[in-house]
Amino acid sequence: MKTVLVVDDLQSELDLIANYLLQAGYEIITATNGEEAIAKVAQTKPDAIVTDLMMPKMGGLDICRKLKKNPETSAIPIIACTVKNRYVDFLWAKKQGVSAYVTKPCTQEDLVIALQEAME
């Protein structure tokens, strides 16, 4: 079973995304901020990360940059799940190392497909 770390500062969004992925057969770990996410990656080495981009202190792109610089975590696919839906936001995220980009509100199907493709 693949393990996915879900990161979002809004509990309702965190619960929704985690539930989508649980129903799809993934094991879920959650974090409510970037610092907690980095610590959980170090402890658990998840197979993938689904993160919001806009969070206080350390956003999803900060998480991505930090993990991509570390050889031990650089191969973990990171899926951005965000309300930012401009093409320029997508391009910037891809340049930072994001593997896939899903806009909120997302469907379970959109999220699972993006996750599966990122982990191939």
PDB file of N, CA and C in Angstrom:
ATOM      1  N   MET A   1       0.838  -1.181   0.000  1.00  0.00           N
ATOM      2  CA  MET A   1       0.000   0.000   0.000  1.00  0.00           C
ATOM      3  C   MET A   1       0.886   1.249   0.000  1.00  0.00           C
ATOM      4  N   LYS A   2       0.579   2.180  -0.873  1.00  0.00           N
ATOM      5  CA  LYS A   2       1.338   3.424  -0.975  1.00  0.00           C
ATOM      6  C   LYS A   2       0.893   4.402   0.116  1.00  0.00           C
ATOM      7  N   THR A   3       1.870   5.123   0.655  1.00  0.00           N
ATOM      8  CA  THR A   3       1.607   6.104   1.703  1.00  0.00           C
ATOM      9  C   THR A   3       1.693   7.509   1.117  1.00  0.00           C
ATOM     10  N   VAL A   4       0.696   8.336   1.431  1.00  0.00           N
ATOM     11  CA  VAL A   4       0.640   9.708   0.937  1.00  0.00           C
ATOM     12  C   VAL A   4       0.540  10.659   2.126  1.00  0.00           C
ATOM     13  N   LEU A   5       1.398  11.661   2.129  1.00  0.00           N
ATOM     14  CA  LEU A   5       1.321  12.735   3.117  1.00  0.00           C
ATOM     15  C   LEU A   5       0.451  13.836   2.524  1.00  0.00           C
ATOM     16  N   VAL A   6      -0.615  14.195   3.254  1.00  0.00           N
ATOM     17  CA  VAL A   6      -1.519  15.264   2.829  1.00  0.00           C
ATOM     18  C   VAL A   6      -1.271  16.462   3.740  1.00  0.00           C
ATOM     19  N   VAL A   7      -1.017  17.626   3.117  1.00  0.00           N
ATOM     20  CA  VAL A   7      -0.683  18.835   3.878  1.00  0.00           C
ATOM     21  C   VAL A   7      -1.657  19.955   3.513  1.00  0.00           C
ATOM     22  N   ASP A   8      -2.375  20.448   4.507  1.00  0.00           N
ATOM     23  CA  ASP A   8      -3.268  21.592   4.303  1.00  0.00           C
ATOM     24  C   ASP A   8      -3.540  22.231   5.653  1.00  0.00           C
ATOM     25  N   ASP A   9      -3.556  23.551   5.695  1.00  0.00           N
ATOM     26  CA  ASP A   9      -3.802  24.242   6.953  1.00  0.00           C
ATOM     27  C   ASP A   9      -5.282  24.340   7.292  1.00  0.00           C
ATOM     28  N   LEU A  10      -6.168  24.062   6.353  1.00  0.00           N
ATOM     29  CA  LEU A  10      -7.610  24.056   6.619  1.00  0.00           C
ATOM     30  C   LEU A  10      -8.065  22.627   6.885  1.00  0.00           C
ATOM     31  N   GLN A  11      -8.552  22.383   8.086  1.00  0.00           N
ATOM     32  CA  GLN A  11      -8.928  21.027   8.488  1.00  0.00           C
ATOM     33  C   GLN A  11      -9.969  20.414   7.554  1.00  0.00           C
ATOM     34  N   SER A  12     -10.923  21.209   7.092  1.00  0.00           N
ATOM     35  CA  SER A  12     -11.966  20.673   6.204  1.00  0.00           C
ATOM     36  C   SER A  12     -11.363  20.173   4.890  1.00  0.00           C
ATOM     37  N   GLU A  13     -10.416  20.912   4.342  1.00  0.00           N
ATOM     38  CA  GLU A  13      -9.745  20.491   3.106  1.00  0.00           C
ATOM     39  C   GLU A  13      -8.867  19.261   3.359  1.00  0.00           C
ATOM     40  N   LEU A  14      -8.166  19.278   4.470  1.00  0.00           N
ATOM     41  CA  LEU A  14      -7.305  18.149   4.842  1.00  0.00           C
ATOM     42  C   LEU A  14      -8.135  16.876   4.950  1.00  0.00           C
ATOM     43  N   ASP A  15      -9.268  16.975   5.624  1.00  0.00           N
ATOM     44  CA  ASP A  15     -10.148  15.817   5.800  1.00  0.00           C
ATOM     45  C   ASP A  15     -10.713  15.326   4.469  1.00  0.00           C
ATOM     46  N   LEU A  16     -11.126  16.251   3.612  1.00  0.00           N
ATOM     47  CA  LEU A  16     -11.707  15.886   2.321  1.00  0.00           C
ATOM     48  C   LEU A  16     -10.692  15.151   1.448  1.00  0.00           C
ATOM     49  N   ILE A  17      -9.497  15.709   1.320  1.00  0.00           N
ATOM     50  CA  ILE A  17      -8.464  15.096   0.481  1.00  0.00           C
ATOM     51  C   ILE A  17      -8.025  13.758   1.061  1.00  0.00           C
ATOM     52  N   ALA A  18      -7.831  13.707   2.370  1.00  0.00           N
ATOM     53  CA  ALA A  18      -7.444  12.451   3.014  1.00  0.00           C
ATOM     54  C   ALA A  18      -8.505  11.386   2.781  1.00  0.00           C
ATOM     55  N   ASN A  19      -9.771  11.759   2.885  1.00  0.00           N
ATOM     56  CA  ASN A  19     -10.860  10.807   2.676  1.00  0.00           C
ATOM     57  C   ASN A  19     -10.889  10.301   1.234  1.00  0.00           C
ATOM     58  N   TYR A  20     -10.702  11.204   0.275  1.00  0.00           N
ATOM     59  CA  TYR A  20     -10.633  10.791  -1.137  1.00  0.00           C
ATOM     60  C   TYR A  20      -9.562   9.717  -1.329  1.00  0.00           C
ATOM     61  N   LEU A  21      -8.402   9.956  -0.739  1.00  0.00           N
ATOM     62  CA  LEU A  21      -7.276   9.048  -0.949  1.00  0.00           C
ATOM     63  C   LEU A  21      -7.418   7.758  -0.156  1.00  0.00           C
ATOM     64  N   LEU A  22      -8.009   7.836   1.028  1.00  0.00           N
ATOM     65  CA  LEU A  22      -8.301   6.611   1.797  1.00  0.00           C
ATOM     66  C   LEU A  22      -9.241   5.708   1.007  1.00  0.00           C
ATOM     67  N   GLN A  23     -10.281   6.304   0.430  1.00  0.00           N
ATOM     68  CA  GLN A  23     -11.240   5.535  -0.369  1.00  0.00           C
ATOM     69  C   GLN A  23     -10.582   4.904  -1.589  1.00  0.00           C
ATOM     70  N   ALA A  24      -9.525   5.535  -2.092  1.00  0.00           N
ATOM     71  CA  ALA A  24      -8.808   5.019  -3.264  1.00  0.00           C
ATOM     72  C   ALA A  24      -7.750   3.979  -2.880  1.00  0.00           C
ATOM     73  N   GLY A  25      -7.615   3.707  -1.581  1.00  0.00           N
ATOM     74  CA  GLY A  25      -6.724   2.638  -1.150  1.00  0.00           C
ATOM     75  C   GLY A  25      -5.339   3.065  -0.694  1.00  0.00           C
ATOM     76  N   TYR A  26      -5.138   4.345  -0.452  1.00  0.00           N
ATOM     77  CA  TYR A  26      -3.840   4.822   0.021  1.00  0.00           C
ATOM     78  C   TYR A  26      -3.817   4.894   1.545  1.00  0.00           C
ATOM     79  N   GLU A  27      -2.636   4.706   2.114  1.00  0.00           N
ATOM     80  CA  GLU A  27      -2.428   4.960   3.536  1.00  0.00           C
ATOM     81  C   GLU A  27      -2.129   6.451   3.655  1.00  0.00           C
ATOM     82  N   ILE A  28      -2.723   7.117   4.633  1.00  0.00           N
ATOM     83  CA  ILE A  28      -2.633   8.573   4.733  1.00  0.00           C
ATOM     84  C   ILE A  28      -1.936   9.010   6.007  1.00  0.00           C
ATOM     85  N   ILE A  29      -1.060   9.996   5.848  1.00  0.00           N
ATOM     86  CA  ILE A  29      -0.439  10.728   6.950  1.00  0.00           C
ATOM     87  C   ILE A  29      -0.842  12.179   6.711  1.00  0.00           C
ATOM     88  N   THR A  30      -1.100  12.945   7.760  1.00  0.00           N
ATOM     89  CA  THR A  30      -1.492  14.333   7.559  1.00  0.00           C
ATOM     90  C   THR A  30      -0.580  15.286   8.316  1.00  0.00           C
ATOM     91  N   ALA A  31      -0.540  16.516   7.797  1.00  0.00           N
ATOM     92  CA  ALA A  31       0.181  17.606   8.455  1.00  0.00           C
ATOM     93  C   ALA A  31      -0.607  18.883   8.183  1.00  0.00           C
ATOM     94  N   THR A  32      -0.593  19.803   9.146  1.00  0.00           N
ATOM     95  CA  THR A  32      -1.360  21.041   9.002  1.00  0.00           C
ATOM     96  C   THR A  32      -0.490  22.257   8.686  1.00  0.00           C
ATOM     97  N   ASN A  33       0.811  22.036   8.530  1.00  0.00           N
ATOM     98  CA  ASN A  33       1.695  23.139   8.140  1.00  0.00           C
ATOM     99  C   ASN A  33       2.984  22.574   7.550  1.00  0.00           C
ATOM    100  N   GLY A  34       3.772  23.464   6.961  1.00  0.00           N
ATOM    101  CA  GLY A  34       4.989  23.040   6.279  1.00  0.00           C
ATOM    102  C   GLY A  34       6.031  22.427   7.187  1.00  0.00           C
ATOM    103  N   GLU A  35       6.231  23.022   8.371  1.00  0.00           N
ATOM    104  CA  GLU A  35       7.231  22.489   9.296  1.00  0.00           C
ATOM    105  C   GLU A  35       6.879  21.072   9.726  1.00  0.00           C
ATOM    106  N   GLU A  36       5.605  20.854  10.031  1.00  0.00           N
ATOM    107  CA  GLU A  36       5.147  19.523  10.420  1.00  0.00           C
ATOM    108  C   GLU A  36       5.315  18.542   9.255  1.00  0.00           C
ATOM    109  N   ALA A  37       5.052  19.009   8.051  1.00  0.00           N
ATOM    110  CA  ALA A  37       5.195  18.157   6.869  1.00  0.00           C
ATOM    111  C   ALA A  37       6.636  17.706   6.682  1.00  0.00           C
ATOM    112  N   ILE A  38       7.585  18.626   6.807  1.00  0.00           N
ATOM    113  CA  ILE A  38       9.004  18.286   6.651  1.00  0.00           C
ATOM    114  C   ILE A  38       9.411  17.256   7.697  1.00  0.00           C
ATOM    115  N   ALA A  39       8.957  17.433   8.930  1.00  0.00           N
ATOM    116  CA  ALA A  39       9.280  16.489  10.006  1.00  0.00           C
ATOM    117  C   ALA A  39       8.690  15.110   9.717  1.00  0.00           C
ATOM    118  N   LYS A  40       7.455  15.074   9.208  1.00  0.00           N
ATOM    119  CA  LYS A  40       6.821  13.780   8.925  1.00  0.00           C
ATOM    120  C   LYS A  40       7.477  13.079   7.737  1.00  0.00           C
ATOM    121  N   VAL A  41       7.947  13.839   6.768  1.00  0.00           N
ATOM    122  CA  VAL A  41       8.669  13.235   5.647  1.00  0.00           C
ATOM    123  C   VAL A  41       9.939  12.570   6.159  1.00  0.00           C
ATOM    124  N   ALA A  42      10.644  13.242   7.047  1.00  0.00           N
ATOM    125  CA  ALA A  42      11.879  12.682   7.615  1.00  0.00           C
ATOM    126  C   ALA A  42      11.601  11.395   8.384  1.00  0.00           C
ATOM    127  N   GLN A  43      10.468  11.338   9.065  1.00  0.00           N
ATOM    128  CA  GLN A  43      10.116  10.159   9.872  1.00  0.00           C
ATOM    129  C   GLN A  43       9.584   9.006   9.029  1.00  0.00           C
ATOM    130  N   THR A  44       8.769   9.309   8.027  1.00  0.00           N
ATOM    131  CA  THR A  44       7.991   8.264   7.361  1.00  0.00           C
ATOM    132  C   THR A  44       8.368   7.974   5.912  1.00  0.00           C
ATOM    133  N   LYS A  45       9.071   8.901   5.236  1.00  0.00           N
ATOM    134  CA  LYS A  45       9.402   8.749   3.812  1.00  0.00           C
ATOM    135  C   LYS A  45       8.176   8.301   2.995  1.00  0.00           C
ATOM    136  N   PRO A  46       7.174   9.173   2.856  1.00  0.00           N
ATOM    137  CA  PRO A  46       5.967   8.798   2.102  1.00  0.00           C
ATOM    138  C   PRO A  46       6.279   8.564   0.623  1.00  0.00           C
ATOM    139  N   ASP A  47       5.384   7.858  -0.047  1.00  0.00           N
ATOM    140  CA  ASP A  47       5.548   7.600  -1.474  1.00  0.00           C
ATOM    141  C   ASP A  47       5.210   8.829  -2.314  1.00  0.00           C
ATOM    142  N   ALA A  48       4.380   9.733  -1.761  1.00  0.00           N
ATOM    143  CA  ALA A  48       3.997  10.964  -2.453  1.00  0.00           C
ATOM    144  C   ALA A  48       3.463  11.958  -1.423  1.00  0.00           C
ATOM    145  N   ILE A  49       3.380  13.211  -1.863  1.00  0.00           N
ATOM    146  CA  ILE A  49       2.863  14.289  -1.016  1.00  0.00           C
ATOM    147  C   ILE A  49       1.823  15.059  -1.814  1.00  0.00           C
ATOM    148  N   VAL A  50       0.681  15.333  -1.191  1.00  0.00           N
ATOM    149  CA  VAL A  50      -0.327  16.221  -1.756  1.00  0.00           C
ATOM    150  C   VAL A  50      -0.374  17.426  -0.836  1.00  0.00           C
ATOM    151  N   THR A  51      -0.077  18.610  -1.373  1.00  0.00           N
ATOM    152  CA  THR A  51      -0.002  19.790  -0.517  1.00  0.00           C
ATOM    153  C   THR A  51      -0.724  20.993  -1.098  1.00  0.00           C
ATOM    154  N   ASP A  52      -1.306  21.758  -0.202  1.00  0.00           N
ATOM    155  CA  ASP A  52      -1.828  23.070  -0.539  1.00  0.00           C
ATOM    156  C   ASP A  52      -0.619  23.966  -0.802  1.00  0.00           C
ATOM    157  N   LEU A  53      -0.783  24.973  -1.620  1.00  0.00           N
ATOM    158  CA  LEU A  53       0.332  25.879  -1.879  1.00  0.00           C
ATOM    159  C   LEU A  53       0.348  27.060  -0.915  1.00  0.00           C
ATOM    160  N   MET A  54      -0.836  27.533  -0.537  1.00  0.00           N
ATOM    161  CA  MET A  54      -0.923  28.737   0.293  1.00  0.00           C
ATOM    162  C   MET A  54      -1.199  28.369   1.743  1.00  0.00           C
ATOM    163  N   MET A  55      -0.142  28.422   2.544  1.00  0.00           N
ATOM    164  CA  MET A  55      -0.245  28.162   3.974  1.00  0.00           C
ATOM    165  C   MET A  55       0.652  29.162   4.696  1.00  0.00           C
ATOM    166  N   PRO A  56       0.309  29.493   5.945  1.00  0.00           N
ATOM    167  CA  PRO A  56       1.164  30.422   6.703  1.00  0.00           C
ATOM    168  C   PRO A  56       2.569  29.848   6.910  1.00  0.00           C
ATOM    169  N   LYS A  57       3.540  30.712   7.014  1.00  0.00           N
ATOM    170  CA  LYS A  57       4.946  30.415   7.292  1.00  0.00           C
ATOM    171  C   LYS A  57       5.625  29.649   6.170  1.00  0.00           C
ATOM    172  N   MET A  58       5.242  28.397   5.933  1.00  0.00           N
ATOM    173  CA  MET A  58       5.876  27.583   4.901  1.00  0.00           C
ATOM    174  C   MET A  58       4.799  26.992   3.999  1.00  0.00           C
ATOM    175  N   GLY A  59       4.696  27.535   2.791  1.00  0.00           N
ATOM    176  CA  GLY A  59       3.704  27.051   1.842  1.00  0.00           C
ATOM    177  C   GLY A  59       4.170  25.802   1.107  1.00  0.00           C
ATOM    178  N   GLY A  60       3.319  25.304   0.241  1.00  0.00           N
ATOM    179  CA  GLY A  60       3.615  24.085  -0.489  1.00  0.00           C
ATOM    180  C   GLY A  60       4.846  24.174  -1.379  1.00  0.00           C
ATOM    181  N   LEU A  61       5.078  25.329  -1.993  1.00  0.00           N
ATOM    182  CA  LEU A  61       6.273  25.459  -2.837  1.00  0.00           C
ATOM    183  C   LEU A  61       7.540  25.506  -1.998  1.00  0.00           C
ATOM    184  N   ASP A  62       7.442  26.059  -0.791  1.00  0.00           N
ATOM    185  CA  ASP A  62       8.593  26.036   0.128  1.00  0.00           C
ATOM    186  C   ASP A  62       8.920  24.598   0.522  1.00  0.00           C
ATOM    187  N   ILE A  63       7.878  23.817   0.793  1.00  0.00           N
ATOM    188  CA  ILE A  63       8.059  22.396   1.115  1.00  0.00           C
ATOM    189  C   ILE A  63       8.750  21.708  -0.059  1.00  0.00           C
ATOM    190  N   CYS A  64       8.239  21.963  -1.250  1.00  0.00           N
ATOM    191  CA  CYS A  64       8.780  21.344  -2.458  1.00  0.00           C
ATOM    192  C   CYS A  64      10.258  21.677  -2.638  1.00  0.00           C
ATOM    193  N   ARG A  65      10.599  22.961  -2.563  1.00  0.00           N
ATOM    194  CA  ARG A  65      11.998  23.362  -2.751  1.00  0.00           C
ATOM    195  C   ARG A  65      12.911  22.701  -1.721  1.00  0.00           C
ATOM    196  N   LYS A  66      12.468  22.663  -0.475  1.00  0.00           N
ATOM    197  CA  LYS A  66      13.277  22.078   0.595  1.00  0.00           C
ATOM    198  C   LYS A  66      13.503  20.580   0.345  1.00  0.00           C
ATOM    199  N   LEU A  67      12.453  19.871  -0.027  1.00  0.00           N
ATOM    200  CA  LEU A  67      12.575  18.428  -0.243  1.00  0.00           C
ATOM    201  C   LEU A  67      13.363  18.103  -1.510  1.00  0.00           C
ATOM    202  N   LYS A  68      13.236  18.904  -2.541  1.00  0.00           N
ATOM    203  CA  LYS A  68      13.946  18.651  -3.799  1.00  0.00           C
ATOM    204  C   LYS A  68      15.447  18.888  -3.654  1.00  0.00           C
ATOM    205  N   LYS A  69      15.855  19.721  -2.696  1.00  0.00           N
ATOM    206  CA  LYS A  69      17.285  19.975  -2.459  1.00  0.00           C
ATOM    207  C   LYS A  69      17.961  18.831  -1.713  1.00  0.00           C
ATOM    208  N   ASN A  70      17.176  17.996  -1.036  1.00  0.00           N
ATOM    209  CA  ASN A  70      17.713  16.906  -0.225  1.00  0.00           C
ATOM    210  C   ASN A  70      17.730  15.620  -1.052  1.00  0.00           C
ATOM    211  N   PRO A  71      18.890  15.004  -1.279  1.00  0.00           N
ATOM    212  CA  PRO A  71      18.954  13.776  -2.073  1.00  0.00           C
ATOM    213  C   PRO A  71      18.089  12.637  -1.513  1.00  0.00           C
ATOM    214  N   GLU A  72      17.864  12.628  -0.217  1.00  0.00           N
ATOM    215  CA  GLU A  72      17.048  11.562   0.393  1.00  0.00           C
ATOM    216  C   GLU A  72      15.562  11.725   0.105  1.00  0.00           C
ATOM    217  N   THR A  73      15.124  12.940  -0.236  1.00  0.00           N
ATOM    218  CA  THR A  73      13.696  13.184  -0.449  1.00  0.00           C
ATOM    219  C   THR A  73      13.382  13.751  -1.837  1.00  0.00           C
ATOM    220  N   SER A  74      14.387  13.958  -2.639  1.00  0.00           N
ATOM    221  CA  SER A  74      14.187  14.641  -3.925  1.00  0.00           C
ATOM    222  C   SER A  74      13.321  13.862  -4.911  1.00  0.00           C
ATOM    223  N   ALA A  75      13.238  12.557  -4.768  1.00  0.00           N
ATOM    224  CA  ALA A  75      12.457  11.753  -5.717  1.00  0.00           C
ATOM    225  C   ALA A  75      10.987  11.611  -5.322  1.00  0.00           C
ATOM    226  N   ILE A  76      10.596  12.114  -4.166  1.00  0.00           N
ATOM    227  CA  ILE A  76       9.197  11.997  -3.739  1.00  0.00           C
ATOM    228  C   ILE A  76       8.341  12.913  -4.611  1.00  0.00           C
ATOM    229  N   PRO A  77       7.339  12.356  -5.312  1.00  0.00           N
ATOM    230  CA  PRO A  77       6.471  13.207  -6.129  1.00  0.00           C
ATOM    231  C   PRO A  77       5.617  14.112  -5.234  1.00  0.00           C
ATOM    232  N   ILE A  78       5.483  15.363  -5.666  1.00  0.00           N
ATOM    233  CA  ILE A  78       4.691  16.344  -4.922  1.00  0.00           C
ATOM    234  C   ILE A  78       3.570  16.845  -5.826  1.00  0.00           C
ATOM    235  N   ILE A  79       2.342  16.699  -5.331  1.00  0.00           N
ATOM    236  CA  ILE A  79       1.163  17.130  -6.071  1.00  0.00           C
ATOM    237  C   ILE A  79       0.619  18.373  -5.390  1.00  0.00           C
ATOM    238  N   ALA A  80       0.534  19.466  -6.126  1.00  0.00           N
ATOM    239  CA  ALA A  80      -0.064  20.689  -5.604  1.00  0.00           C
ATOM    240  C   ALA A  80      -1.570  20.592  -5.758  1.00  0.00           C
ATOM    241  N   CYS A  81      -2.285  20.874  -4.689  1.00  0.00           N
ATOM    242  CA  CYS A  81      -3.748  20.904  -4.718  1.00  0.00           C
ATOM    243  C   CYS A  81      -4.143  22.272  -4.170  1.00  0.00           C
ATOM    244  N   THR A  82      -4.556  23.170  -5.042  1.00  0.00           N
ATOM    245  CA  THR A  82      -4.650  24.584  -4.675  1.00  0.00           C
ATOM    246  C   THR A  82      -5.791  25.303  -5.385  1.00  0.00           C
ATOM    247  N   VAL A  83      -6.198  26.422  -4.821  1.00  0.00           N
ATOM    248  CA  VAL A  83      -7.186  27.274  -5.490  1.00  0.00           C
ATOM    249  C   VAL A  83      -6.538  28.149  -6.558  1.00  0.00           C
ATOM    250  N   LYS A  84      -5.211  28.221  -6.560  1.00  0.00           N
ATOM    251  CA  LYS A  84      -4.507  29.037  -7.557  1.00  0.00           C
ATOM    252  C   LYS A  84      -4.661  28.365  -8.926  1.00  0.00           C
ATOM    253  N   ASN A  85      -5.422  29.016  -9.807  1.00  0.00           N
ATOM    254  CA  ASN A  85      -5.752  28.357 -11.068  1.00  0.00           C
ATOM    255  C   ASN A  85      -5.260  29.099 -12.305  1.00  0.00           C
ATOM    256  N   ARG A  86      -4.349  30.046 -12.122  1.00  0.00           N
ATOM    257  CA  ARG A  86      -3.793  30.734 -13.291  1.00  0.00           C
ATOM    258  C   ARG A  86      -2.656  29.898 -13.882  1.00  0.00           C
ATOM    259  N   TYR A  87      -2.509  29.985 -15.184  1.00  0.00           N
ATOM    260  CA  TYR A  87      -1.473  29.213 -15.865  1.00  0.00           C
ATOM    261  C   TYR A  87      -0.083  29.566 -15.349  1.00  0.00           C
ATOM    262  N   VAL A  88       0.136  30.837 -15.028  1.00  0.00           N
ATOM    263  CA  VAL A  88       1.432  31.265 -14.513  1.00  0.00           C
ATOM    264  C   VAL A  88       1.738  30.584 -13.172  1.00  0.00           C
ATOM    265  N   ASP A  89       0.713  30.356 -12.351  1.00  0.00           N
ATOM    266  CA  ASP A  89       0.900  29.651 -11.081  1.00  0.00           C
ATOM    267  C   ASP A  89       1.324  28.206 -11.334  1.00  0.00           C
ATOM    268  N   PHE A  90       0.677  27.570 -12.302  1.00  0.00           N
ATOM    269  CA  PHE A  90       1.020  26.200 -12.686  1.00  0.00           C
ATOM    270  C   PHE A  90       2.477  26.130 -13.166  1.00  0.00           C
ATOM    271  N   LEU A  91       2.859  27.055 -14.043  1.00  0.00           N
ATOM    272  CA  LEU A  91       4.234  27.046 -14.563  1.00  0.00           C
ATOM    273  C   LEU A  91       5.263  27.258 -13.459  1.00  0.00           C
ATOM    274  N   TRP A  92       5.001  28.184 -12.563  1.00  0.00           N
ATOM    275  CA  TRP A  92       5.928  28.450 -11.460  1.00  0.00           C
ATOM    276  C   TRP A  92       6.061  27.210 -10.589  1.00  0.00           C
ATOM    277  N   ALA A  93       4.947  26.557 -10.281  1.00  0.00           N
ATOM    278  CA  ALA A  93       4.975  25.352  -9.449  1.00  0.00           C
ATOM    279  C   ALA A  93       5.781  24.248 -10.130  1.00  0.00           C
ATOM    280  N   LYS A  94       5.608  24.072 -11.418  1.00  0.00           N
ATOM    281  CA  LYS A  94       6.358  23.040 -12.141  1.00  0.00           C
ATOM    282  C   LYS A  94       7.861  23.353 -12.107  1.00  0.00           C
ATOM    283  N   LYS A  95       8.217  24.620 -12.224  1.00  0.00           N
ATOM    284  CA  LYS A  95       9.636  25.011 -12.160  1.00  0.00           C
ATOM    285  C   LYS A  95      10.236  24.739 -10.788  1.00  0.00           C
ATOM    286  N   GLN A  96       9.397  24.731  -9.762  1.00  0.00           N
ATOM    287  CA  GLN A  96       9.874  24.476  -8.401  1.00  0.00           C
ATOM    288  C   GLN A  96       9.971  22.981  -8.100  1.00  0.00           C
ATOM    289  N   GLY A  97       9.501  22.140  -9.020  1.00  0.00           N
ATOM    290  CA  GLY A  97       9.616  20.702  -8.840  1.00  0.00           C
ATOM    291  C   GLY A  97       8.322  19.963  -8.576  1.00  0.00           C
ATOM    292  N   VAL A  98       7.189  20.658  -8.634  1.00  0.00           N
ATOM    293  CA  VAL A  98       5.897  20.003  -8.435  1.00  0.00           C
ATOM    294  C   VAL A  98       5.658  19.022  -9.580  1.00  0.00           C
ATOM    295  N   SER A  99       5.236  17.807  -9.235  1.00  0.00           N
ATOM    296  CA  SER A  99       5.016  16.760 -10.239  1.00  0.00           C
ATOM    297  C   SER A  99       3.672  16.886 -10.938  1.00  0.00           C
ATOM    298  N   ALA A 100       2.653  17.321 -10.196  1.00  0.00           N
ATOM    299  CA  ALA A 100       1.308  17.454 -10.755  1.00  0.00           C
ATOM    300  C   ALA A 100       0.611  18.617 -10.064  1.00  0.00           C
ATOM    301  N   TYR A 101      -0.430  19.137 -10.710  1.00  0.00           N
ATOM    302  CA  TYR A 101      -1.114  20.338 -10.235  1.00  0.00           C
ATOM    303  C   TYR A 101      -2.608  20.115 -10.392  1.00  0.00           C
ATOM    304  N   VAL A 102      -3.328  20.174  -9.291  1.00  0.00           N
ATOM    305  CA  VAL A 102      -4.778  19.981  -9.287  1.00  0.00           C
ATOM    306  C   VAL A 102      -5.399  21.206  -8.629  1.00  0.00           C
ATOM    307  N   THR A 103      -6.432  21.776  -9.266  1.00  0.00           N
ATOM    308  CA  THR A 103      -7.063  22.954  -8.683  1.00  0.00           C
ATOM    309  C   THR A 103      -8.273  22.567  -7.840  1.00  0.00           C
ATOM    310  N   LYS A 104      -8.438  23.316  -6.745  1.00  0.00           N
ATOM    311  CA  LYS A 104      -9.586  23.134  -5.846  1.00  0.00           C
ATOM    312  C   LYS A 104     -10.740  23.983  -6.358  1.00  0.00           C
ATOM    313  N   PRO A 105     -11.971  23.550  -6.176  1.00  0.00           N
ATOM    314  CA  PRO A 105     -12.322  22.261  -5.593  1.00  0.00           C
ATOM    315  C   PRO A 105     -12.024  21.152  -6.591  1.00  0.00           C
ATOM    316  N   CYS A 106     -11.406  20.100  -6.115  1.00  0.00           N
ATOM    317  CA  CYS A 106     -11.045  18.987  -6.996  1.00  0.00           C
ATOM    318  C   CYS A 106     -11.980  17.814  -6.749  1.00  0.00           C
ATOM    319  N   THR A 107     -12.064  16.973  -7.740  1.00  0.00           N
ATOM    320  CA  THR A 107     -12.837  15.745  -7.579  1.00  0.00           C
ATOM    321  C   THR A 107     -11.878  14.640  -7.134  1.00  0.00           C
ATOM    322  N   GLN A 108     -12.435  13.590  -6.594  1.00  0.00           N
ATOM    323  CA  GLN A 108     -11.620  12.450  -6.196  1.00  0.00           C
ATOM    324  C   GLN A 108     -10.902  11.887  -7.421  1.00  0.00           C
ATOM    325  N   GLU A 109     -11.596  11.804  -8.532  1.00  0.00           N
ATOM    326  CA  GLU A 109     -11.008  11.251  -9.748  1.00  0.00           C
ATOM    327  C   GLU A 109      -9.811  12.078 -10.218  1.00  0.00           C
ATOM    328  N   ASP A 110      -9.943  13.412 -10.238  1.00  0.00           N
ATOM    329  CA  ASP A 110      -8.840  14.277 -10.661  1.00  0.00           C
ATOM    330  C   ASP A 110      -7.617  14.076  -9.773  1.00  0.00           C
ATOM    331  N   LEU A 111      -7.854  14.021  -8.478  1.00  0.00           N
ATOM    332  CA  LEU A 111      -6.758  13.889  -7.525  1.00  0.00           C
ATOM    333  C   LEU A 111      -6.062  12.536  -7.652  1.00  0.00           C
ATOM    334  N   VAL A 112      -6.839  11.479  -7.739  1.00  0.00           N
ATOM    335  CA  VAL A 112      -6.269  10.131  -7.822  1.00  0.00           C
ATOM    336  C   VAL A 112      -5.497   9.941  -9.126  1.00  0.00           C
ATOM    337  N   ILE A 113      -6.030  10.446 -10.222  1.00  0.00           N
ATOM    338  CA  ILE A 113      -5.330  10.337 -11.506  1.00  0.00           C
ATOM    339  C   ILE A 113      -4.000  11.089 -11.448  1.00  0.00           C
ATOM    340  N   ALA A 114      -4.021  12.303 -10.920  1.00  0.00           N
ATOM    341  CA  ALA A 114      -2.778  13.094 -10.807  1.00  0.00           C
ATOM    342  C   ALA A 114      -1.755  12.362  -9.925  1.00  0.00           C
ATOM    343  N   LEU A 115      -2.221  11.785  -8.850  1.00  0.00           N
ATOM    344  CA  LEU A 115      -1.341  11.064  -7.934  1.00  0.00           C
ATOM    345  C   LEU A 115      -0.749   9.831  -8.602  1.00  0.00           C
ATOM    346  N   GLN A 116      -1.582   9.050  -9.267  1.00  0.00           N
ATOM    347  CA  GLN A 116      -1.113   7.851  -9.948  1.00  0.00           C
ATOM    348  C   GLN A 116      -0.077   8.194 -11.024  1.00  0.00           C
ATOM    349  N   GLU A 117      -0.356   9.218 -11.809  1.00  0.00           N
ATOM    350  CA  GLU A 117       0.579   9.614 -12.862  1.00  0.00           C
ATOM    351  C   GLU A 117       1.898  10.107 -12.282  1.00  0.00           C
ATOM    352  N   ALA A 118       1.836  10.831 -11.174  1.00  0.00           N
ATOM    353  CA  ALA A 118       3.054  11.356 -10.557  1.00  0.00           C
ATOM    354  C   ALA A 118       3.915  10.241  -9.983  1.00  0.00           C
ATOM    355  N   MET A 119       3.289   9.156  -9.544  1.00  0.00           N
ATOM    356  CA  MET A 119       4.037   8.060  -8.923  1.00  0.00           C
ATOM    357  C   MET A 119       4.529   7.014  -9.917  1.00  0.00           C
ATOM    358  N   GLU A 120       4.189   7.162 -11.199  1.00  0.00           N
ATOM    359  CA  GLU A 120       4.626   6.185 -12.210  1.00  0.00           C
ATOM    360  C   GLU A 120       6.112   6.264 -12.452  1.00  0.00           C
TER     361      GLU A 120
END
